[in-house]
Amino acid sequence: MFGIFGRLKVYFIMFAAFALFAGVAYWYYQNTQKQIIAYAKNQATLETTVELQKQTTLALQKDLKKANDALVTLTDEFAESRKNVKELETIFNQSKDGTKRDFGEESIKNPDYVEGEINKGSNQVFRCFELLSGQKPMEGDKNEEQYINCINGTTSSNGLQ
């Protein structure tokens, strides 16, 4: 009888060892599956983040290009404005024949002439505004040099003299 109980004991120990092995294997399988799922979620999150970063980088590059284009345009317009200011300074500090003059002194010596010239220039500016805003040019406007740029829809530093 001792042999049967001894055998049962061995079978019981083998069964217990097998059950323990099966339990450890089941636990290991479940644990690795949880880790795989967690890794898959992390991978999906990372892929989404990378794609979002790519899109953001492209948008930033486009915005940077627009900003650079705007800067170039503004720089060009600023240079043109400085040129116009210099030309206006020249108009007041230089006569038509190119000699230097003091406009303040000229206005004291000959106020009627200065007033007439200012009024004439103001009328030319107003006429140019009218032409730029869509009014049809009159026959005399087409032949006058100061209105050519106004009729064509562009202005330049020497459009009005």
Protein backbone atom coordinates (compact mmCIF):
# COMPACT_ATOMS: atom_id res chain seq x y z
CA MET A 1 0.00 0.00 0.00
CA PHE A 2 2.84 2.33 0.67
CA GLY A 3 3.73 2.08 -3.02
CA ILE A 4 0.34 3.34 -4.16
CA PHE A 5 0.43 6.28 -1.77
CA GLY A 6 3.97 6.99 -2.84
CA ARG A 7 2.91 6.95 -6.44
CA LEU A 8 -0.07 9.16 -5.70
CA LYS A 9 2.25 11.52 -3.87
CA VAL A 10 4.54 11.67 -6.90
CA TYR A 11 1.53 12.21 -9.21
CA PHE A 12 0.19 14.86 -6.87
CA ILE A 13 3.56 16.63 -6.82
CA MET A 14 3.81 16.38 -10.60
CA PHE A 15 0.23 17.66 -10.94
CA ALA A 16 0.97 20.53 -8.55
CA ALA A 17 4.19 21.34 -10.43
CA PHE A 18 2.34 21.20 -13.75
CA ALA A 19 -0.50 23.36 -12.35
CA LEU A 20 2.08 25.80 -10.98
CA PHE A 21 3.86 25.88 -14.35
CA ALA A 22 0.52 26.37 -16.16
CA GLY A 23 -0.41 29.18 -13.73
CA VAL A 24 2.93 30.92 -14.24
CA ALA A 25 2.61 30.51 -18.02
CA TYR A 26 -0.96 31.89 -17.93
CA TRP A 27 0.14 34.84 -15.78
CA TYR A 28 3.13 35.49 -18.10
CA TYR A 29 0.87 35.35 -21.17
CA GLN A 30 -1.67 37.76 -19.64
CA ASN A 31 1.05 40.13 -18.47
CA THR A 32 2.77 40.21 -21.87
CA GLN A 33 -0.57 40.78 -23.62
CA LYS A 34 -1.23 43.78 -21.36
CA GLN A 35 2.23 45.11 -22.14
CA ILE A 36 1.72 44.59 -25.88
CA ILE A 37 -1.58 46.49 -25.73
CA ALA A 38 0.07 49.30 -23.75
CA TYR A 39 2.96 49.43 -26.23
CA ALA A 40 0.53 49.52 -29.16
CA LYS A 41 -1.36 52.44 -27.58
CA ASN A 42 1.91 54.27 -26.95
CA GLN A 43 2.99 53.63 -30.54
CA ALA A 44 -0.31 54.98 -31.87
CA THR A 45 0.04 58.07 -29.67
CA LEU A 46 3.62 58.61 -30.83
CA GLU A 47 2.67 58.22 -34.49
CA THR A 48 -0.16 60.72 -34.06
CA THR A 49 2.19 63.13 -32.28
CA VAL A 50 4.83 62.80 -35.00
CA GLU A 51 2.24 63.46 -37.71
CA LEU A 52 0.94 66.48 -35.81
CA GLN A 53 4.50 67.79 -35.44
CA LYS A 54 5.09 67.37 -39.18
CA GLN A 55 1.93 69.32 -39.98
CA THR A 56 2.83 72.01 -37.46
CA THR A 57 6.34 72.29 -38.90
CA LEU A 58 4.95 72.66 -42.43
CA ALA A 59 2.49 75.31 -41.25
CA LEU A 60 5.28 77.18 -39.47
CA GLN A 61 7.47 77.03 -42.57
CA LYS A 62 4.62 78.44 -44.69
CA ASP A 63 4.01 81.19 -42.13
CA LEU A 64 7.72 81.96 -42.02
CA LYS A 65 7.81 82.25 -45.81
CA LYS A 66 4.80 84.59 -45.73
CA ALA A 67 6.46 86.67 -43.01
CA ASN A 68 9.68 86.85 -45.02
CA ASP A 69 7.75 87.86 -48.14
CA ALA A 70 5.93 90.54 -46.15
CA LEU A 71 9.24 91.76 -44.73
CA VAL A 72 10.74 92.02 -48.22
CA THR A 73 7.68 93.90 -49.44
CA LEU A 74 7.72 96.25 -46.47
CA THR A 75 11.45 96.83 -46.84
CA ASP A 76 10.99 97.68 -50.52
CA GLU A 77 8.07 99.98 -49.73
CA PHE A 78 10.05 101.63 -46.95
CA ALA A 79 12.97 102.23 -49.31
CA GLU A 80 10.55 103.71 -51.85
CA SER A 81 9.07 105.93 -49.12
CA ARG A 82 12.52 107.15 -48.13
CA LYS A 83 13.25 107.89 -51.78
CA ASN A 84 9.98 109.85 -52.04
CA VAL A 85 10.83 111.84 -48.92
CA LYS A 86 14.25 112.69 -50.37
CA GLU A 87 12.59 113.81 -53.59
CA LEU A 88 10.11 115.95 -51.66
CA GLU A 89 12.97 117.49 -49.73
CA THR A 90 14.65 118.19 -53.06
CA ILE A 91 11.49 119.86 -54.37
CA PHE A 92 11.51 122.28 -51.45
CA ASN A 93 15.29 122.81 -51.30
CA GLN A 94 16.04 123.02 -55.01
CA SER A 95 14.56 125.10 -57.80
CA LYS A 96 13.48 123.67 -61.17
CA ASP A 97 16.81 124.59 -62.73
CA GLY A 98 18.66 122.66 -59.98
CA THR A 99 20.02 125.53 -57.91
CA LYS A 100 19.77 125.37 -54.13
CA ARG A 101 17.17 127.51 -52.42
CA ASP A 102 15.61 128.09 -49.04
CA PHE A 103 11.88 127.50 -49.43
CA GLY A 104 11.04 129.49 -46.30
CA GLU A 105 13.02 132.45 -47.55
CA GLU A 106 11.43 132.09 -51.00
CA SER A 107 7.95 132.13 -49.47
CA ILE A 108 8.78 135.36 -47.60
CA LYS A 109 10.17 137.05 -50.74
CA ASN A 110 7.43 135.94 -53.12
CA PRO A 111 4.38 134.64 -51.19
CA ASP A 112 1.97 134.89 -54.14
CA TYR A 113 4.19 132.71 -56.34
CA VAL A 114 4.66 130.10 -53.58
CA GLU A 115 0.91 130.05 -52.86
CA GLY A 116 0.15 129.61 -56.56
CA GLU A 117 2.65 126.74 -56.90
CA ILE A 118 1.30 124.99 -53.78
CA ASN A 119 -2.27 125.35 -55.05
CA LYS A 120 -1.24 124.05 -58.48
CA GLY A 121 0.50 121.02 -56.92
CA SER A 122 -2.48 120.37 -54.61
CA ASN A 123 -4.85 120.42 -57.58
CA GLN A 124 -2.61 117.94 -59.40
CA VAL A 125 -2.60 115.62 -56.38
CA PHE A 126 -6.38 115.79 -56.05
CA ARG A 127 -6.79 115.12 -59.79
CA CYS A 128 -4.47 112.12 -59.49
CA PHE A 129 -6.59 110.79 -56.58
CA GLU A 130 -9.69 111.19 -58.74
CA LEU A 131 -8.07 109.27 -61.59
CA LEU A 132 -6.79 106.53 -59.29
CA SER A 133 -10.24 106.12 -57.76
CA GLY A 134 -11.82 105.42 -61.14
CA GLN A 135 -12.81 108.72 -62.74
CA LYS A 136 -12.45 108.73 -66.52
CA PRO A 137 -9.51 110.82 -67.74
CA MET A 138 -10.27 113.94 -69.73
CA GLU A 139 -8.51 114.61 -73.01
CA GLY A 140 -5.99 116.97 -71.41
CA ASP A 141 -5.10 114.43 -68.69
CA LYS A 142 -3.92 111.86 -71.21
CA ASN A 143 -1.30 114.18 -72.64
CA GLU A 144 0.04 115.55 -69.37
CA GLU A 145 3.07 113.71 -68.05
CA GLN A 146 2.17 114.10 -64.35
CA TYR A 147 -1.09 112.15 -64.85
CA ILE A 148 0.24 109.19 -66.86
CA ASN A 149 0.89 107.04 -63.77
CA CYS A 150 -2.44 108.10 -62.26
CA ILE A 151 -4.32 107.01 -65.39
CA ASN A 152 -2.45 103.68 -65.52
CA GLY A 153 -3.35 103.00 -61.89
CA THR A 154 0.18 103.22 -60.52
CA THR A 155 1.97 105.91 -58.61
CA SER A 156 5.60 106.70 -58.55
CA SER A 157 7.80 109.18 -56.88
CA ASN A 158 7.76 111.42 -59.93
CA GLY A 159 4.11 110.88 -60.91
CA LEU A 160 3.25 114.36 -59.71
CA GLN A 161 5.65 117.22 -60.32
